[in-house]
Amino acid sequence: MTDISFRDYFDQRIDDLDRRVADRFTLSDQAVAKAERTMNDRLNSMNEFRDALRDQANRMATRTEMENLEAQVNELRRVAANFDGRVAMAAALISVLTSVVVGWIVSVLKT
């Protein structure tokens, strides 16, 4: 067995302890840096997701816009139905007038 002095033994142990503590601080700093990078990456992806949702929400119609659009569509339907009714009445009137004129011409030609 080798003889080393008491002082050398404790100096060696203290140096070992200092080295281990320094290693732990280094590893701890590395772990914190890695966790910070990971958290930043995660937050960036969450922000991208929020931006995508915001863009999607901005493209959607609001309830008020949809109600206005529905009112406009209903108005167009009413106008179209009114126009169709007028055209049908005009066609019926023209048909009746044509029948009357043709009947009158036939009666005039018979006499």
C-alpha atoms as a PDB file:
ATOM      1  CA  MET A   1       0.000   0.000   0.000  1.00  0.00           C
ATOM      2  CA  THR A   2       1.234   3.427  -0.794  1.00  0.00           C
ATOM      3  CA  ASP A   3       1.567   6.028   1.833  1.00  0.00           C
ATOM      4  CA  ILE A   4       0.139   9.444   1.017  1.00  0.00           C
ATOM      5  CA  SER A   5      -0.113  12.250   3.412  1.00  0.00           C
ATOM      6  CA  PHE A   6      -3.342  13.180   5.082  1.00  0.00           C
ATOM      7  CA  ARG A   7      -3.223  16.592   3.460  1.00  0.00           C
ATOM      8  CA  ASP A   8      -2.654  15.136  -0.041  1.00  0.00           C
ATOM      9  CA  TYR A   9      -5.567  12.750   0.495  1.00  0.00           C
ATOM     10  CA  PHE A  10      -7.961  15.539   1.443  1.00  0.00           C
ATOM     11  CA  ASP A  11      -6.681  17.797  -1.329  1.00  0.00           C
ATOM     12  CA  GLN A  12      -7.307  14.978  -3.794  1.00  0.00           C
ATOM     13  CA  ARG A  13     -10.834  14.385  -2.399  1.00  0.00           C
ATOM     14  CA  ILE A  14     -11.657  18.104  -2.469  1.00  0.00           C
ATOM     15  CA  ASP A  15     -10.382  18.375  -6.040  1.00  0.00           C
ATOM     16  CA  ASP A  16     -12.557  15.374  -7.018  1.00  0.00           C
ATOM     17  CA  LEU A  17     -15.537  16.949  -5.291  1.00  0.00           C
ATOM     18  CA  ASP A  18     -14.909  20.297  -7.037  1.00  0.00           C
ATOM     19  CA  ARG A  19     -14.668  18.532 -10.375  1.00  0.00           C
ATOM     20  CA  ARG A  20     -17.935  16.622  -9.783  1.00  0.00           C
ATOM     21  CA  VAL A  21     -19.743  19.767  -8.663  1.00  0.00           C
ATOM     22  CA  ALA A  22     -18.436  21.645 -11.705  1.00  0.00           C
ATOM     23  CA  ASP A  23     -19.522  18.741 -13.940  1.00  0.00           C
ATOM     24  CA  ARG A  24     -22.988  18.799 -12.395  1.00  0.00           C
ATOM     25  CA  PHE A  25     -23.293  22.544 -12.936  1.00  0.00           C
ATOM     26  CA  THR A  26     -22.156  22.108 -16.527  1.00  0.00           C
ATOM     27  CA  LEU A  27     -24.661  19.300 -17.117  1.00  0.00           C
ATOM     28  CA  SER A  28     -27.376  21.297 -15.383  1.00  0.00           C
ATOM     29  CA  ASP A  29     -26.647  24.328 -17.575  1.00  0.00           C
ATOM     30  CA  GLN A  30     -26.760  22.122 -20.664  1.00  0.00           C
ATOM     31  CA  ALA A  31     -30.092  20.625 -19.556  1.00  0.00           C
ATOM     32  CA  VAL A  32     -31.566  24.063 -18.941  1.00  0.00           C
ATOM     33  CA  ALA A  33     -30.367  25.269 -22.347  1.00  0.00           C
ATOM     34  CA  LYS A  34     -31.866  22.203 -24.027  1.00  0.00           C
ATOM     35  CA  ALA A  35     -35.151  22.647 -22.162  1.00  0.00           C
ATOM     36  CA  GLU A  36     -35.218  26.315 -23.170  1.00  0.00           C
ATOM     37  CA  ARG A  37     -34.671  25.443 -26.839  1.00  0.00           C
ATOM     38  CA  THR A  38     -37.377  22.790 -26.674  1.00  0.00           C
ATOM     39  CA  MET A  39     -39.807  25.174 -24.999  1.00  0.00           C
ATOM     40  CA  ASN A  40     -39.089  27.895 -27.576  1.00  0.00           C
ATOM     41  CA  ASP A  41     -39.676  25.416 -30.412  1.00  0.00           C
ATOM     42  CA  ARG A  42     -42.940  24.331 -28.817  1.00  0.00           C
ATOM     43  CA  LEU A  43     -44.079  27.919 -28.262  1.00  0.00           C
ATOM     44  CA  ASN A  44     -43.207  28.805 -31.864  1.00  0.00           C
ATOM     45  CA  SER A  45     -45.283  25.891 -33.164  1.00  0.00           C
ATOM     46  CA  MET A  46     -48.166  26.918 -30.877  1.00  0.00           C
ATOM     47  CA  ASN A  47     -47.943  30.473 -32.233  1.00  0.00           C
ATOM     48  CA  GLU A  48     -48.065  29.133 -35.795  1.00  0.00           C
ATOM     49  CA  PHE A  49     -51.158  27.124 -34.877  1.00  0.00           C
ATOM     50  CA  ARG A  50     -52.787  30.196 -33.329  1.00  0.00           C
ATOM     51  CA  ASP A  51     -51.987  32.222 -36.439  1.00  0.00           C
ATOM     52  CA  ALA A  52     -53.545  29.531 -38.630  1.00  0.00           C
ATOM     53  CA  LEU A  53     -56.696  29.554 -36.485  1.00  0.00           C
ATOM     54  CA  ARG A  54     -56.821  33.354 -36.595  1.00  0.00           C
ATOM     55  CA  ASP A  55     -56.491  33.329 -40.396  1.00  0.00           C
ATOM     56  CA  GLN A  56     -59.247  30.729 -40.639  1.00  0.00           C
ATOM     57  CA  ALA A  57     -61.512  32.723 -38.325  1.00  0.00           C
ATOM     58  CA  ASN A  58     -60.918  35.887 -40.372  1.00  0.00           C
ATOM     59  CA  ARG A  59     -62.078  34.103 -43.525  1.00  0.00           C
ATOM     60  CA  MET A  60     -65.321  32.876 -41.972  1.00  0.00           C
ATOM     61  CA  ALA A  61     -68.529  34.836 -42.305  1.00  0.00           C
ATOM     62  CA  THR A  62     -70.053  36.286 -39.174  1.00  0.00           C
ATOM     63  CA  ARG A  63     -73.635  35.625 -38.109  1.00  0.00           C
ATOM     64  CA  THR A  64     -74.619  39.163 -39.109  1.00  0.00           C
ATOM     65  CA  GLU A  65     -73.106  38.771 -42.569  1.00  0.00           C
ATOM     66  CA  MET A  66     -74.903  35.443 -43.032  1.00  0.00           C
ATOM     67  CA  GLU A  67     -78.221  36.949 -41.925  1.00  0.00           C
ATOM     68  CA  ASN A  68     -77.760  39.829 -44.385  1.00  0.00           C
ATOM     69  CA  LEU A  69     -76.865  37.399 -47.159  1.00  0.00           C
ATOM     70  CA  GLU A  70     -79.914  35.271 -46.350  1.00  0.00           C
ATOM     71  CA  ALA A  71     -82.140  38.360 -46.472  1.00  0.00           C
ATOM     72  CA  GLN A  72     -80.698  39.307 -49.857  1.00  0.00           C
ATOM     73  CA  VAL A  73     -81.234  35.784 -51.215  1.00  0.00           C
ATOM     74  CA  ASN A  74     -84.831  35.797 -49.969  1.00  0.00           C
ATOM     75  CA  GLU A  75     -85.385  39.183 -51.639  1.00  0.00           C
ATOM     76  CA  LEU A  76     -83.989  37.833 -54.919  1.00  0.00           C
ATOM     77  CA  ARG A  77     -86.285  34.811 -54.650  1.00  0.00           C
ATOM     78  CA  ARG A  78     -89.279  37.099 -54.066  1.00  0.00           C
ATOM     79  CA  VAL A  79     -88.356  39.271 -57.062  1.00  0.00           C
ATOM     80  CA  ALA A  80     -87.866  36.193 -59.263  1.00  0.00           C
ATOM     81  CA  ALA A  81     -91.222  34.736 -58.195  1.00  0.00           C
ATOM     82  CA  ASN A  82     -92.901  38.098 -58.842  1.00  0.00           C
ATOM     83  CA  PHE A  83     -91.289  38.283 -62.289  1.00  0.00           C
ATOM     84  CA  ASP A  84     -92.350  34.695 -63.088  1.00  0.00           C
ATOM     85  CA  GLY A  85     -95.931  35.579 -62.094  1.00  0.00           C
ATOM     86  CA  ARG A  86     -95.917  38.662 -64.298  1.00  0.00           C
ATOM     87  CA  VAL A  87     -94.549  36.693 -67.246  1.00  0.00           C
ATOM     88  CA  ALA A  88     -97.230  34.032 -66.766  1.00  0.00           C
ATOM     89  CA  MET A  89     -99.957  36.671 -66.601  1.00  0.00           C
ATOM     90  CA  ALA A  90     -98.580  38.424 -69.692  1.00  0.00           C
ATOM     91  CA  ALA A  91     -98.467  35.114 -71.559  1.00  0.00           C
ATOM     92  CA  ALA A  92    -102.058  34.355 -70.545  1.00  0.00           C
ATOM     93  CA  LEU A  93    -103.195  37.848 -71.587  1.00  0.00           C
ATOM     94  CA  ILE A  94    -101.415  37.586 -74.941  1.00  0.00           C
ATOM     95  CA  SER A  95    -102.974  34.178 -75.480  1.00  0.00           C
ATOM     96  CA  VAL A  96    -106.456  35.502 -74.727  1.00  0.00           C
ATOM     97  CA  LEU A  97    -105.944  38.558 -76.923  1.00  0.00           C
ATOM     98  CA  THR A  98    -104.623  36.394 -79.740  1.00  0.00           C
ATOM     99  CA  SER A  99    -107.674  34.127 -79.443  1.00  0.00           C
ATOM    100  CA  VAL A 100    -109.998  37.129 -79.507  1.00  0.00           C
ATOM    101  CA  VAL A 101    -108.260  38.676 -82.530  1.00  0.00           C
ATOM    102  CA  VAL A 102    -108.185  35.380 -84.427  1.00  0.00           C
ATOM    103  CA  GLY A 103    -111.885  34.801 -83.575  1.00  0.00           C
ATOM    104  CA  TRP A 104    -112.769  38.284 -84.719  1.00  0.00           C
ATOM    105  CA  ILE A 105    -110.792  37.847 -87.991  1.00  0.00           C
ATOM    106  CA  VAL A 106    -112.493  34.490 -88.643  1.00  0.00           C
ATOM    107  CA  SER A 107    -115.927  35.977 -87.993  1.00  0.00           C
ATOM    108  CA  VAL A 108    -115.180  38.938 -90.295  1.00  0.00           C
ATOM    109  CA  LEU A 109    -113.957  36.649 -93.053  1.00  0.00           C
ATOM    110  CA  LYS A 110    -117.104  34.434 -92.828  1.00  0.00           C
ATOM    111  CA  THR A 111    -119.416  37.293 -93.514  1.00  0.00           C
END
